[in-house]
Amino acid sequence: MRVLIVDDHPLFAKGLANLLAVRGAQVAGTASDGLEALSKVRETRPDIVLMDISMPRCGGLEATRLIKAEFPEVKIVMLTVSESEDDLFEAVKSGACGYLFKNVDADTLMDMLTGLERGEVAFSPGLTAKILEEFRRQASSRKEEDPPPLMPRQMEVLRLVASGMTYKEVGNALFISERTVKYHMKQILDQLHLNNRTEAIAYATKMRLANR
C-alpha cells in the first residue's frame, strides 16, 4: 500500500513514516497541512492518507473534503488526538473511512490499514458505536419537510442534475470534473437515503430545488 502522511509535527511524521516503512508499507511522502496534502495526492496518488485534524492554513477535515471531491477512490483515515465527537462525525460526513487516536499501537495500525484494502473501516474502539447512534438519532429526528442536509456544493449539483443536465454538463457549469460530479451524487444519494439518480431528481422536484 502507498501511504501519504499529513501532520504538522515533523518529528511525528518522520517517526510514523519509518514505522510504516519497516512494516512493508510504501510511504508516498509527507505533508504539513491540508493544501500541501492535496498537492501531494495529485502528485503521488497514494492508496491511503493518514490525516491529522488540527493543522495551520488548512485543517484535516477541509482537506478530506477537497481530496475526496477530486480523488474519491483515495481512502482517508484521521489520525489525531482529538476526542471531539463533532470532529468524529464531521470526518465521517466528509468522506473519511477511519478515525484513529494517535496512541494506537503499531501492530493495530497496520492491521487496520491492511483491512482498508479489503473494504473495511478503521476506527478506534468505541467510535463505531457512537457513529451508529448519531446516525440513528439524526434519522429519527429528521422530518420530511426539513431542508435537505446537504453541503452548498451538493445542493448546486443536485439542482443542476434535476434541471436535466448530464453529469458532464454539470461539471462544465461548476468548473469541476465529471468524476467529481459523480462523487457528489453518490454522497447525495447516501445522505438522503435514495437509490438512484431518478429518485434524487424526484426528491429535488418535491423540494422545489429543480431549476426548470
N, C-alpha and C. Protein backbone atom coordinates (compact mmCIF):
# COMPACT_ATOMS: atom_id res chain seq x y z
N MET A 1 0.84 -1.19 0.00
CA MET A 1 0.00 0.00 0.00
C MET A 1 0.88 1.25 0.00
N ARG A 2 0.41 2.27 -0.68
CA ARG A 2 1.12 3.56 -0.72
C ARG A 2 0.40 4.51 0.24
N VAL A 3 1.14 5.06 1.20
CA VAL A 3 0.54 5.87 2.26
C VAL A 3 1.15 7.26 2.26
N LEU A 4 0.27 8.27 2.31
CA LEU A 4 0.70 9.66 2.48
C LEU A 4 0.41 10.07 3.92
N ILE A 5 1.38 10.68 4.58
CA ILE A 5 1.24 11.11 5.97
C ILE A 5 1.08 12.62 6.01
N VAL A 6 0.02 13.08 6.67
CA VAL A 6 -0.24 14.52 6.74
C VAL A 6 -0.29 14.93 8.22
N ASP A 7 0.73 15.66 8.65
CA ASP A 7 0.81 16.08 10.05
C ASP A 7 1.77 17.26 10.14
N ASP A 8 1.44 18.25 10.95
CA ASP A 8 2.28 19.44 11.03
C ASP A 8 3.41 19.32 12.05
N HIS A 9 3.58 18.15 12.64
CA HIS A 9 4.70 17.90 13.55
C HIS A 9 5.72 17.01 12.83
N PRO A 10 6.81 17.57 12.35
CA PRO A 10 7.78 16.82 11.54
C PRO A 10 8.34 15.58 12.23
N LEU A 11 8.58 15.67 13.52
CA LEU A 11 9.15 14.53 14.24
C LEU A 11 8.17 13.36 14.25
N PHE A 12 6.89 13.65 14.50
CA PHE A 12 5.87 12.59 14.49
C PHE A 12 5.73 12.00 13.09
N ALA A 13 5.69 12.86 12.09
CA ALA A 13 5.53 12.39 10.71
C ALA A 13 6.70 11.51 10.29
N LYS A 14 7.90 11.91 10.64
CA LYS A 14 9.08 11.12 10.28
C LYS A 14 9.06 9.78 11.00
N GLY A 15 8.72 9.79 12.30
CA GLY A 15 8.67 8.54 13.05
C GLY A 15 7.63 7.59 12.49
N LEU A 16 6.47 8.12 12.13
CA LEU A 16 5.41 7.29 11.56
C LEU A 16 5.83 6.74 10.20
N ALA A 17 6.51 7.56 9.41
CA ALA A 17 6.97 7.10 8.11
C ALA A 17 7.94 5.93 8.26
N ASN A 18 8.86 6.05 9.22
CA ASN A 18 9.81 4.96 9.46
C ASN A 18 9.10 3.70 9.94
N LEU A 19 8.12 3.88 10.82
CA LEU A 19 7.35 2.74 11.34
C LEU A 19 6.64 2.00 10.21
N LEU A 20 5.99 2.74 9.33
CA LEU A 20 5.26 2.12 8.22
C LEU A 20 6.21 1.42 7.25
N ALA A 21 7.34 2.07 6.97
CA ALA A 21 8.29 1.50 6.02
C ALA A 21 8.85 0.18 6.53
N VAL A 22 9.17 0.13 7.83
CA VAL A 22 9.71 -1.10 8.42
C VAL A 22 8.72 -2.25 8.30
N ARG A 23 7.43 -1.93 8.33
CA ARG A 23 6.38 -2.95 8.27
C ARG A 23 5.88 -3.21 6.85
N GLY A 24 6.58 -2.69 5.88
CA GLY A 24 6.30 -3.07 4.49
C GLY A 24 5.45 -2.12 3.69
N ALA A 25 5.01 -1.02 4.30
CA ALA A 25 4.21 -0.05 3.53
C ALA A 25 5.14 0.87 2.74
N GLN A 26 4.64 1.38 1.64
CA GLN A 26 5.40 2.34 0.85
C GLN A 26 4.92 3.74 1.19
N VAL A 27 5.79 4.55 1.77
CA VAL A 27 5.42 5.91 2.15
C VAL A 27 5.56 6.81 0.93
N ALA A 28 4.43 7.34 0.48
CA ALA A 28 4.42 8.17 -0.72
C ALA A 28 4.96 9.56 -0.44
N GLY A 29 5.01 9.95 0.83
CA GLY A 29 5.51 11.27 1.19
C GLY A 29 4.83 11.78 2.43
N THR A 30 5.16 13.01 2.80
CA THR A 30 4.53 13.66 3.95
C THR A 30 4.10 15.06 3.55
N ALA A 31 3.13 15.60 4.29
CA ALA A 31 2.67 16.97 4.08
C ALA A 31 2.38 17.57 5.44
N SER A 32 2.50 18.90 5.55
CA SER A 32 2.35 19.54 6.85
C SER A 32 1.05 20.31 7.01
N ASP A 33 0.22 20.34 5.96
CA ASP A 33 -1.11 20.94 6.08
C ASP A 33 -1.99 20.41 4.96
N GLY A 34 -3.27 20.79 4.99
CA GLY A 34 -4.23 20.22 4.06
C GLY A 34 -4.00 20.59 2.61
N LEU A 35 -3.57 21.81 2.35
CA LEU A 35 -3.34 22.22 0.96
C LEU A 35 -2.14 21.49 0.37
N GLU A 36 -1.10 21.33 1.17
CA GLU A 36 0.05 20.55 0.71
C GLU A 36 -0.35 19.10 0.50
N ALA A 37 -1.24 18.60 1.35
CA ALA A 37 -1.73 17.23 1.20
C ALA A 37 -2.42 17.03 -0.14
N LEU A 38 -3.29 17.97 -0.51
CA LEU A 38 -3.98 17.87 -1.79
C LEU A 38 -2.99 17.86 -2.94
N SER A 39 -1.98 18.71 -2.86
CA SER A 39 -0.95 18.76 -3.90
C SER A 39 -0.19 17.44 -3.97
N LYS A 40 0.14 16.87 -2.80
CA LYS A 40 0.88 15.61 -2.77
C LYS A 40 0.03 14.44 -3.29
N VAL A 41 -1.27 14.47 -3.00
CA VAL A 41 -2.15 13.42 -3.53
C VAL A 41 -2.18 13.50 -5.06
N ARG A 42 -2.27 14.69 -5.60
CA ARG A 42 -2.25 14.85 -7.06
C ARG A 42 -0.95 14.33 -7.65
N GLU A 43 0.14 14.53 -6.92
CA GLU A 43 1.46 14.16 -7.42
C GLU A 43 1.76 12.67 -7.26
N THR A 44 1.37 12.09 -6.12
CA THR A 44 1.82 10.73 -5.81
C THR A 44 0.73 9.67 -5.91
N ARG A 45 -0.55 10.07 -5.92
CA ARG A 45 -1.69 9.16 -6.00
C ARG A 45 -1.58 8.01 -4.99
N PRO A 46 -1.59 8.32 -3.68
CA PRO A 46 -1.50 7.25 -2.67
C PRO A 46 -2.78 6.45 -2.59
N ASP A 47 -2.70 5.28 -1.97
CA ASP A 47 -3.89 4.48 -1.69
C ASP A 47 -4.60 4.99 -0.44
N ILE A 48 -3.79 5.40 0.55
CA ILE A 48 -4.31 5.79 1.86
C ILE A 48 -3.65 7.09 2.29
N VAL A 49 -4.43 7.97 2.91
CA VAL A 49 -3.90 9.18 3.53
C VAL A 49 -4.16 9.11 5.03
N LEU A 50 -3.12 9.24 5.82
CA LEU A 50 -3.25 9.35 7.28
C LEU A 50 -3.24 10.84 7.60
N MET A 51 -4.36 11.36 8.08
CA MET A 51 -4.59 12.80 8.16
C MET A 51 -4.78 13.29 9.59
N ASP A 52 -3.95 14.24 10.00
CA ASP A 52 -4.18 14.92 11.27
C ASP A 52 -5.35 15.89 11.10
N ILE A 53 -5.95 16.34 12.18
CA ILE A 53 -7.08 17.28 12.08
C ILE A 53 -6.64 18.72 12.25
N SER A 54 -5.95 19.01 13.34
CA SER A 54 -5.56 20.39 13.62
C SER A 54 -4.22 20.72 12.98
N MET A 55 -4.27 21.53 11.92
CA MET A 55 -3.07 21.95 11.20
C MET A 55 -3.25 23.39 10.73
N PRO A 56 -2.15 24.12 10.54
CA PRO A 56 -2.27 25.50 10.06
C PRO A 56 -2.69 25.56 8.60
N ARG A 57 -3.20 26.69 8.21
CA ARG A 57 -3.56 27.01 6.82
C ARG A 57 -4.79 26.25 6.34
N CYS A 58 -4.76 24.93 6.43
CA CYS A 58 -5.91 24.11 6.02
C CYS A 58 -5.92 22.85 6.87
N GLY A 59 -6.96 22.68 7.69
CA GLY A 59 -7.03 21.54 8.60
C GLY A 59 -7.43 20.26 7.90
N GLY A 60 -7.42 19.18 8.67
CA GLY A 60 -7.65 17.86 8.09
C GLY A 60 -9.05 17.61 7.59
N LEU A 61 -10.06 18.21 8.24
CA LEU A 61 -11.43 17.99 7.81
C LEU A 61 -11.68 18.63 6.44
N GLU A 62 -11.24 19.88 6.28
CA GLU A 62 -11.40 20.55 4.99
C GLU A 62 -10.57 19.84 3.92
N ALA A 63 -9.36 19.41 4.28
CA ALA A 63 -8.51 18.70 3.33
C ALA A 63 -9.17 17.40 2.88
N THR A 64 -9.83 16.72 3.81
CA THR A 64 -10.53 15.48 3.45
C THR A 64 -11.60 15.75 2.41
N ARG A 65 -12.38 16.81 2.60
CA ARG A 65 -13.42 17.15 1.63
C ARG A 65 -12.81 17.47 0.26
N LEU A 66 -11.72 18.22 0.26
CA LEU A 66 -11.08 18.59 -1.00
C LEU A 66 -10.54 17.37 -1.74
N ILE A 67 -9.88 16.49 -0.99
CA ILE A 67 -9.27 15.31 -1.62
C ILE A 67 -10.34 14.35 -2.12
N LYS A 68 -11.37 14.09 -1.30
CA LYS A 68 -12.41 13.15 -1.71
C LYS A 68 -13.21 13.67 -2.90
N ALA A 69 -13.37 14.97 -3.01
CA ALA A 69 -14.09 15.53 -4.15
C ALA A 69 -13.33 15.29 -5.45
N GLU A 70 -12.01 15.34 -5.38
CA GLU A 70 -11.19 15.17 -6.59
C GLU A 70 -10.72 13.74 -6.79
N PHE A 71 -10.50 13.03 -5.69
CA PHE A 71 -10.00 11.66 -5.77
C PHE A 71 -10.84 10.76 -4.85
N PRO A 72 -12.06 10.44 -5.25
CA PRO A 72 -12.96 9.67 -4.37
C PRO A 72 -12.44 8.29 -4.03
N GLU A 73 -11.51 7.77 -4.83
CA GLU A 73 -11.00 6.42 -4.57
C GLU A 73 -9.96 6.38 -3.45
N VAL A 74 -9.39 7.51 -3.10
CA VAL A 74 -8.37 7.55 -2.05
C VAL A 74 -9.02 7.37 -0.68
N LYS A 75 -8.48 6.49 0.12
CA LYS A 75 -9.01 6.24 1.47
C LYS A 75 -8.30 7.15 2.47
N ILE A 76 -9.09 7.85 3.28
CA ILE A 76 -8.54 8.79 4.24
C ILE A 76 -8.89 8.35 5.65
N VAL A 77 -7.87 8.27 6.49
CA VAL A 77 -8.05 7.92 7.90
C VAL A 77 -7.53 9.08 8.75
N MET A 78 -8.38 9.59 9.62
CA MET A 78 -7.94 10.64 10.53
C MET A 78 -7.09 9.99 11.62
N LEU A 79 -5.90 10.53 11.84
CA LEU A 79 -5.00 10.06 12.90
C LEU A 79 -4.74 11.27 13.80
N THR A 80 -5.38 11.31 14.95
CA THR A 80 -5.49 12.55 15.71
C THR A 80 -5.52 12.30 17.21
N VAL A 81 -5.34 13.38 17.97
CA VAL A 81 -5.52 13.32 19.42
C VAL A 81 -6.92 13.80 19.80
N SER A 82 -7.66 14.33 18.83
CA SER A 82 -8.97 14.90 19.13
C SER A 82 -10.00 13.82 19.44
N GLU A 83 -10.60 13.92 20.63
CA GLU A 83 -11.68 13.00 21.01
C GLU A 83 -13.05 13.66 20.86
N SER A 84 -13.09 14.80 20.18
CA SER A 84 -14.34 15.53 19.98
C SER A 84 -15.29 14.73 19.09
N GLU A 85 -16.51 14.54 19.56
CA GLU A 85 -17.50 13.84 18.74
C GLU A 85 -17.85 14.65 17.49
N ASP A 86 -17.81 15.98 17.61
CA ASP A 86 -18.07 16.81 16.43
C ASP A 86 -17.03 16.54 15.34
N ASP A 87 -15.75 16.44 15.72
CA ASP A 87 -14.71 16.13 14.75
C ASP A 87 -14.93 14.75 14.14
N LEU A 88 -15.29 13.79 14.97
CA LEU A 88 -15.54 12.43 14.51
C LEU A 88 -16.65 12.40 13.47
N PHE A 89 -17.81 12.99 13.80
CA PHE A 89 -18.95 12.95 12.90
C PHE A 89 -18.67 13.74 11.62
N GLU A 90 -17.98 14.87 11.75
CA GLU A 90 -17.67 15.68 10.57
C GLU A 90 -16.69 14.95 9.66
N ALA A 91 -15.75 14.21 10.25
CA ALA A 91 -14.80 13.44 9.45
C ALA A 91 -15.52 12.39 8.62
N VAL A 92 -16.47 11.69 9.23
CA VAL A 92 -17.23 10.66 8.52
C VAL A 92 -18.07 11.29 7.41
N LYS A 93 -18.73 12.41 7.71
CA LYS A 93 -19.54 13.08 6.70
C LYS A 93 -18.68 13.61 5.56
N SER A 94 -17.43 13.93 5.85
CA SER A 94 -16.54 14.47 4.83
C SER A 94 -15.95 13.39 3.94
N GLY A 95 -16.12 12.12 4.33
CA GLY A 95 -15.65 11.03 3.48
C GLY A 95 -14.55 10.17 4.07
N ALA A 96 -14.14 10.45 5.31
CA ALA A 96 -13.11 9.61 5.93
C ALA A 96 -13.64 8.21 6.19
N CYS A 97 -12.80 7.21 6.01
CA CYS A 97 -13.20 5.83 6.27
C CYS A 97 -12.56 5.29 7.54
N GLY A 98 -12.02 6.20 8.35
CA GLY A 98 -11.44 5.77 9.62
C GLY A 98 -11.12 6.95 10.51
N TYR A 99 -11.03 6.69 11.80
CA TYR A 99 -10.72 7.71 12.79
C TYR A 99 -9.97 7.03 13.92
N LEU A 100 -8.67 7.27 13.99
CA LEU A 100 -7.83 6.61 14.97
C LEU A 100 -7.14 7.64 15.86
N PHE A 101 -7.01 7.28 17.13
CA PHE A 101 -6.26 8.14 18.04
C PHE A 101 -4.76 7.84 17.90
N LYS A 102 -3.95 8.84 18.17
CA LYS A 102 -2.52 8.70 17.96
C LYS A 102 -1.85 7.76 18.96
N ASN A 103 -2.59 7.32 19.97
CA ASN A 103 -1.99 6.36 20.90
C ASN A 103 -2.19 4.91 20.44
N VAL A 104 -2.70 4.73 19.22
CA VAL A 104 -2.87 3.38 18.68
C VAL A 104 -1.51 2.71 18.56
N ASP A 105 -1.44 1.41 18.86
CA ASP A 105 -0.14 0.73 18.75
C ASP A 105 0.13 0.37 17.30
N ALA A 106 1.41 0.14 16.99
CA ALA A 106 1.85 -0.04 15.61
C ALA A 106 1.19 -1.24 14.94
N ASP A 107 1.09 -2.35 15.64
CA ASP A 107 0.51 -3.56 15.03
C ASP A 107 -0.97 -3.35 14.69
N THR A 108 -1.70 -2.70 15.60
CA THR A 108 -3.12 -2.42 15.35
C THR A 108 -3.27 -1.49 14.16
N LEU A 109 -2.43 -0.48 14.09
CA LEU A 109 -2.48 0.46 12.95
C LEU A 109 -2.27 -0.28 11.64
N MET A 110 -1.28 -1.14 11.57
CA MET A 110 -1.01 -1.86 10.33
C MET A 110 -2.15 -2.81 9.98
N ASP A 111 -2.71 -3.46 10.99
CA ASP A 111 -3.85 -4.35 10.73
C ASP A 111 -5.02 -3.58 10.14
N MET A 112 -5.27 -2.40 10.68
CA MET A 112 -6.39 -1.60 10.19
C MET A 112 -6.13 -1.07 8.79
N LEU A 113 -4.92 -0.67 8.51
CA LEU A 113 -4.59 -0.19 7.16
C LEU A 113 -4.71 -1.33 6.15
N THR A 114 -4.30 -2.51 6.53
CA THR A 114 -4.46 -3.68 5.66
C THR A 114 -5.94 -3.97 5.43
N GLY A 115 -6.73 -3.81 6.49
CA GLY A 115 -8.17 -4.04 6.37
C GLY A 115 -8.83 -3.07 5.40
N LEU A 116 -8.31 -1.85 5.31
CA LEU A 116 -8.88 -0.87 4.37
C LEU A 116 -8.83 -1.40 2.94
N GLU A 117 -7.79 -2.13 2.62
CA GLU A 117 -7.66 -2.67 1.26
C GLU A 117 -8.71 -3.75 0.99
N ARG A 118 -9.30 -4.30 2.05
CA ARG A 118 -10.37 -5.29 1.89
C ARG A 118 -11.76 -4.65 2.01
N GLY A 119 -11.78 -3.32 2.06
CA GLY A 119 -13.06 -2.62 2.14
C GLY A 119 -13.56 -2.39 3.55
N GLU A 120 -12.72 -2.65 4.56
CA GLU A 120 -13.13 -2.43 5.94
C GLU A 120 -12.92 -0.97 6.33
N VAL A 121 -13.35 -0.60 7.53
CA VAL A 121 -13.13 0.74 8.05
C VAL A 121 -12.17 0.66 9.24
N ALA A 122 -11.65 1.81 9.65
CA ALA A 122 -10.65 1.82 10.72
C ALA A 122 -11.02 2.84 11.79
N PHE A 123 -11.60 2.35 12.87
CA PHE A 123 -12.00 3.23 13.96
C PHE A 123 -11.45 2.72 15.28
N SER A 124 -11.00 3.66 16.12
CA SER A 124 -10.58 3.29 17.46
C SER A 124 -11.75 2.69 18.23
N PRO A 125 -11.47 1.84 19.22
CA PRO A 125 -12.54 1.16 19.96
C PRO A 125 -13.60 2.13 20.50
N GLY A 126 -14.86 1.76 20.31
CA GLY A 126 -15.96 2.56 20.83
C GLY A 126 -16.50 3.60 19.88
N LEU A 127 -15.74 3.98 18.87
CA LEU A 127 -16.17 5.07 17.99
C LEU A 127 -17.25 4.63 17.01
N THR A 128 -17.19 3.39 16.54
CA THR A 128 -18.20 2.91 15.60
C THR A 128 -19.59 2.97 16.22
N ALA A 129 -19.69 2.59 17.48
CA ALA A 129 -20.98 2.63 18.17
C ALA A 129 -21.50 4.06 18.28
N LYS A 130 -20.61 5.01 18.52
CA LYS A 130 -21.01 6.42 18.60
C LYS A 130 -21.56 6.91 17.26
N ILE A 131 -20.90 6.52 16.18
CA ILE A 131 -21.34 6.94 14.86
C ILE A 131 -22.72 6.38 14.54
N LEU A 132 -22.90 5.10 14.78
CA LEU A 132 -24.20 4.48 14.51
C LEU A 132 -25.31 5.12 15.33
N GLU A 133 -25.02 5.41 16.59
CA GLU A 133 -26.03 6.02 17.45
C GLU A 133 -26.39 7.42 16.96
N GLU A 134 -25.40 8.18 16.51
CA GLU A 134 -25.67 9.52 16.00
C GLU A 134 -26.50 9.47 14.72
N PHE A 135 -26.18 8.55 13.83
CA PHE A 135 -26.96 8.42 12.59
C PHE A 135 -28.40 8.00 12.89
N ARG A 136 -28.57 7.11 13.87
CA ARG A 136 -29.93 6.72 14.26
C ARG A 136 -30.69 7.93 14.82
N ARG A 137 -30.02 8.71 15.63
CA ARG A 137 -30.65 9.88 16.22
C ARG A 137 -31.06 10.87 15.14
N GLN A 138 -30.18 11.10 14.17
CA GLN A 138 -30.49 12.03 13.09
C GLN A 138 -31.66 11.53 12.25
N ALA A 139 -31.66 10.22 11.98
CA ALA A 139 -32.73 9.65 11.16
C ALA A 139 -34.08 9.77 11.85
N SER A 140 -34.11 9.57 13.18
CA SER A 140 -35.38 9.60 13.89
C SER A 140 -35.89 11.02 14.09
N SER A 141 -34.98 12.00 14.11
CA SER A 141 -35.39 13.38 14.36
C SER A 141 -35.66 14.16 13.09
N ARG A 142 -35.22 13.63 11.95
CA ARG A 142 -35.38 14.37 10.69
C ARG A 142 -36.82 14.29 10.21
N LYS A 143 -37.40 15.40 9.89
CA LYS A 143 -38.76 15.45 9.37
C LYS A 143 -38.73 15.63 7.86
N GLU A 144 -39.79 15.16 7.22
CA GLU A 144 -39.82 15.20 5.77
C GLU A 144 -39.74 16.62 5.24
N GLU A 145 -40.31 17.60 5.97
CA GLU A 145 -40.31 18.95 5.47
C GLU A 145 -39.03 19.70 5.77
N ASP A 146 -38.12 19.10 6.52
CA ASP A 146 -36.86 19.77 6.81
C ASP A 146 -36.06 19.98 5.52
N PRO A 147 -35.23 21.02 5.45
CA PRO A 147 -34.38 21.21 4.27
C PRO A 147 -33.38 20.06 4.17
N PRO A 148 -32.98 19.67 2.98
CA PRO A 148 -32.06 18.55 2.81
C PRO A 148 -30.72 18.82 3.49
N PRO A 149 -30.18 17.84 4.21
CA PRO A 149 -28.92 18.03 4.95
C PRO A 149 -27.72 17.93 4.01
N LEU A 150 -27.60 18.87 3.09
CA LEU A 150 -26.56 18.82 2.08
C LEU A 150 -25.64 20.02 2.18
N MET A 151 -24.38 19.83 1.74
CA MET A 151 -23.44 20.93 1.65
C MET A 151 -23.84 21.83 0.48
N PRO A 152 -23.43 23.11 0.48
CA PRO A 152 -23.78 24.02 -0.62
C PRO A 152 -23.42 23.46 -2.00
N ARG A 153 -22.23 22.86 -2.14
CA ARG A 153 -21.84 22.31 -3.44
C ARG A 153 -22.75 21.16 -3.84
N GLN A 154 -23.14 20.33 -2.88
CA GLN A 154 -24.05 19.23 -3.19
C GLN A 154 -25.40 19.77 -3.65
N MET A 155 -25.86 20.85 -3.02
CA MET A 155 -27.12 21.46 -3.43
C MET A 155 -27.04 21.95 -4.87
N GLU A 156 -25.92 22.56 -5.23
CA GLU A 156 -25.74 23.04 -6.61
C GLU A 156 -25.79 21.88 -7.59
N VAL A 157 -25.07 20.81 -7.26
CA VAL A 157 -25.03 19.64 -8.15
C VAL A 157 -26.43 19.05 -8.31
N LEU A 158 -27.13 18.86 -7.20
CA LEU A 158 -28.46 18.26 -7.26
C LEU A 158 -29.42 19.14 -8.06
N ARG A 159 -29.36 20.44 -7.87
CA ARG A 159 -30.25 21.35 -8.58
C ARG A 159 -30.02 21.27 -10.09
N LEU A 160 -28.75 21.23 -10.51
CA LEU A 160 -28.44 21.18 -11.94
C LEU A 160 -28.80 19.82 -12.55
N VAL A 161 -28.54 18.75 -11.82
CA VAL A 161 -28.92 17.42 -12.30
C VAL A 161 -30.44 17.34 -12.45
N ALA A 162 -31.16 17.87 -11.47
CA ALA A 162 -32.62 17.84 -11.51
C ALA A 162 -33.18 18.70 -12.63
N SER A 163 -32.40 19.68 -13.09
CA SER A 163 -32.87 20.55 -14.17
C SER A 163 -32.70 19.89 -15.54
N GLY A 164 -32.08 18.70 -15.56
CA GLY A 164 -31.96 17.96 -16.80
C GLY A 164 -30.55 17.87 -17.37
N MET A 165 -29.59 18.45 -16.71
CA MET A 165 -28.21 18.42 -17.20
C MET A 165 -27.59 17.04 -17.03
N THR A 166 -26.70 16.68 -17.94
CA THR A 166 -25.89 15.47 -17.77
C THR A 166 -24.78 15.78 -16.76
N TYR A 167 -24.13 14.73 -16.26
CA TYR A 167 -23.03 14.95 -15.31
C TYR A 167 -21.93 15.79 -15.95
N LYS A 168 -21.66 15.57 -17.22
CA LYS A 168 -20.61 16.33 -17.91
C LYS A 168 -21.00 17.80 -17.99
N GLU A 169 -22.26 18.08 -18.28
CA GLU A 169 -22.73 19.46 -18.36
C GLU A 169 -22.68 20.14 -16.99
N VAL A 170 -23.03 19.38 -15.95
CA VAL A 170 -22.95 19.92 -14.60
C VAL A 170 -21.50 20.28 -14.26
N GLY A 171 -20.58 19.37 -14.62
CA GLY A 171 -19.17 19.63 -14.37
C GLY A 171 -18.68 20.89 -15.07
N ASN A 172 -19.10 21.06 -16.33
CA ASN A 172 -18.71 22.25 -17.08
C ASN A 172 -19.27 23.51 -16.44
N ALA A 173 -20.50 23.42 -15.96
CA ALA A 173 -21.15 24.59 -15.37
C ALA A 173 -20.49 25.00 -14.05
N LEU A 174 -20.01 24.01 -13.30
CA LEU A 174 -19.42 24.28 -11.99
C LEU A 174 -17.90 24.27 -12.00
N PHE A 175 -17.32 24.04 -13.20
CA PHE A 175 -15.86 24.02 -13.36
C PHE A 175 -15.21 22.91 -12.52
N ILE A 176 -15.84 21.74 -12.51
CA ILE A 176 -15.30 20.57 -11.84
C ILE A 176 -15.36 19.40 -12.82
N SER A 177 -14.68 18.30 -12.51
CA SER A 177 -14.67 17.16 -13.42
C SER A 177 -15.96 16.35 -13.32
N GLU A 178 -16.22 15.58 -14.36
CA GLU A 178 -17.40 14.71 -14.36
C GLU A 178 -17.30 13.69 -13.22
N ARG A 179 -16.10 13.22 -12.94
CA ARG A 179 -15.89 12.27 -11.85
C ARG A 179 -16.25 12.89 -10.51
N THR A 180 -15.92 14.17 -10.33
CA THR A 180 -16.27 14.85 -9.09
C THR A 180 -17.78 15.00 -8.95
N VAL A 181 -18.46 15.26 -10.07
CA VAL A 181 -19.93 15.34 -10.04
C VAL A 181 -20.50 14.01 -9.59
N LYS A 182 -19.97 12.91 -10.14
CA LYS A 182 -20.46 11.58 -9.76
C LYS A 182 -20.22 11.31 -8.28
N TYR A 183 -19.08 11.77 -7.77
CA TYR A 183 -18.79 11.59 -6.35
C TYR A 183 -19.82 12.34 -5.50
N HIS A 184 -20.10 13.60 -5.89
CA HIS A 184 -21.10 14.37 -5.14
C HIS A 184 -22.47 13.69 -5.19
N MET A 185 -22.84 13.16 -6.34
CA MET A 185 -24.14 12.50 -6.45
C MET A 185 -24.21 11.27 -5.56
N LYS A 186 -23.11 10.52 -5.47
CA LYS A 186 -23.10 9.35 -4.57
C LYS A 186 -23.29 9.80 -3.13
N GLN A 187 -22.62 10.89 -2.74
CA GLN A 187 -22.78 11.41 -1.38
C GLN A 187 -24.22 11.86 -1.14
N ILE A 188 -24.81 12.50 -2.14
CA ILE A 188 -26.20 12.97 -2.03
C ILE A 188 -27.14 11.79 -1.83
N LEU A 189 -26.98 10.75 -2.65
CA LEU A 189 -27.84 9.58 -2.53
C LEU A 189 -27.70 8.94 -1.16
N ASP A 190 -26.46 8.84 -0.67
CA ASP A 190 -26.24 8.23 0.65
C ASP A 190 -26.89 9.06 1.75
N GLN A 191 -26.70 10.38 1.69
CA GLN A 191 -27.21 11.23 2.76
C GLN A 191 -28.73 11.32 2.78
N LEU A 192 -29.34 11.24 1.60
CA LEU A 192 -30.80 11.34 1.51
C LEU A 192 -31.48 9.97 1.51
N HIS A 193 -30.66 8.92 1.60
CA HIS A 193 -31.19 7.55 1.61
C HIS A 193 -31.99 7.25 0.34
N LEU A 194 -31.42 7.63 -0.79
CA LEU A 194 -32.04 7.38 -2.09
C LEU A 194 -31.24 6.33 -2.84
N ASN A 195 -31.86 5.73 -3.84
CA ASN A 195 -31.23 4.59 -4.53
C ASN A 195 -30.59 4.95 -5.86
N ASN A 196 -31.08 5.98 -6.53
CA ASN A 196 -30.55 6.29 -7.85
C ASN A 196 -30.83 7.74 -8.23
N ARG A 197 -30.35 8.10 -9.40
CA ARG A 197 -30.49 9.47 -9.89
C ARG A 197 -31.97 9.86 -10.06
N THR A 198 -32.78 8.93 -10.52
CA THR A 198 -34.20 9.22 -10.72
C THR A 198 -34.87 9.64 -9.42
N GLU A 199 -34.58 8.91 -8.35
CA GLU A 199 -35.14 9.25 -7.05
C GLU A 199 -34.62 10.61 -6.57
N ALA A 200 -33.35 10.90 -6.88
CA ALA A 200 -32.77 12.19 -6.48
C ALA A 200 -33.48 13.34 -7.19
N ILE A 201 -33.77 13.15 -8.49
CA ILE A 201 -34.48 14.18 -9.25
C ILE A 201 -35.89 14.37 -8.70
N ALA A 202 -36.55 13.26 -8.39
CA ALA A 202 -37.89 13.34 -7.83
C ALA A 202 -37.87 14.07 -6.49
N TYR A 203 -36.87 13.80 -5.68
CA TYR A 203 -36.74 14.47 -4.39
C TYR A 203 -36.52 15.97 -4.59
N ALA A 204 -35.62 16.32 -5.53
CA ALA A 204 -35.32 17.73 -5.78
C ALA A 204 -36.55 18.47 -6.27
N THR A 205 -37.33 17.80 -7.12
CA THR A 205 -38.54 18.41 -7.63
C THR A 205 -39.56 18.64 -6.50
N LYS A 206 -39.68 17.64 -5.63
CA LYS A 206 -40.60 17.74 -4.50
C LYS A 206 -40.21 18.88 -3.57
N MET A 207 -38.89 19.04 -3.38
CA MET A 207 -38.39 20.08 -2.50
C MET A 207 -38.23 21.42 -3.22
N ARG A 208 -38.66 21.47 -4.48
CA ARG A 208 -38.59 22.68 -5.32
C ARG A 208 -37.17 23.19 -5.48
N LEU A 209 -36.23 22.23 -5.65
CA LEU A 209 -34.84 22.60 -5.89
C LEU A 209 -34.54 22.68 -7.38
N ALA A 210 -35.34 21.96 -8.18
CA ALA A 210 -35.08 21.89 -9.62
C ALA A 210 -35.29 23.27 -10.25
N ASN A 211 -34.41 23.59 -11.18
CA ASN A 211 -34.48 24.87 -11.88
C ASN A 211 -34.84 24.62 -13.32
N ARG A 212 -36.10 24.41 -13.59
CA ARG A 212 -36.55 24.05 -14.94
C ARG A 212 -36.97 25.31 -15.71
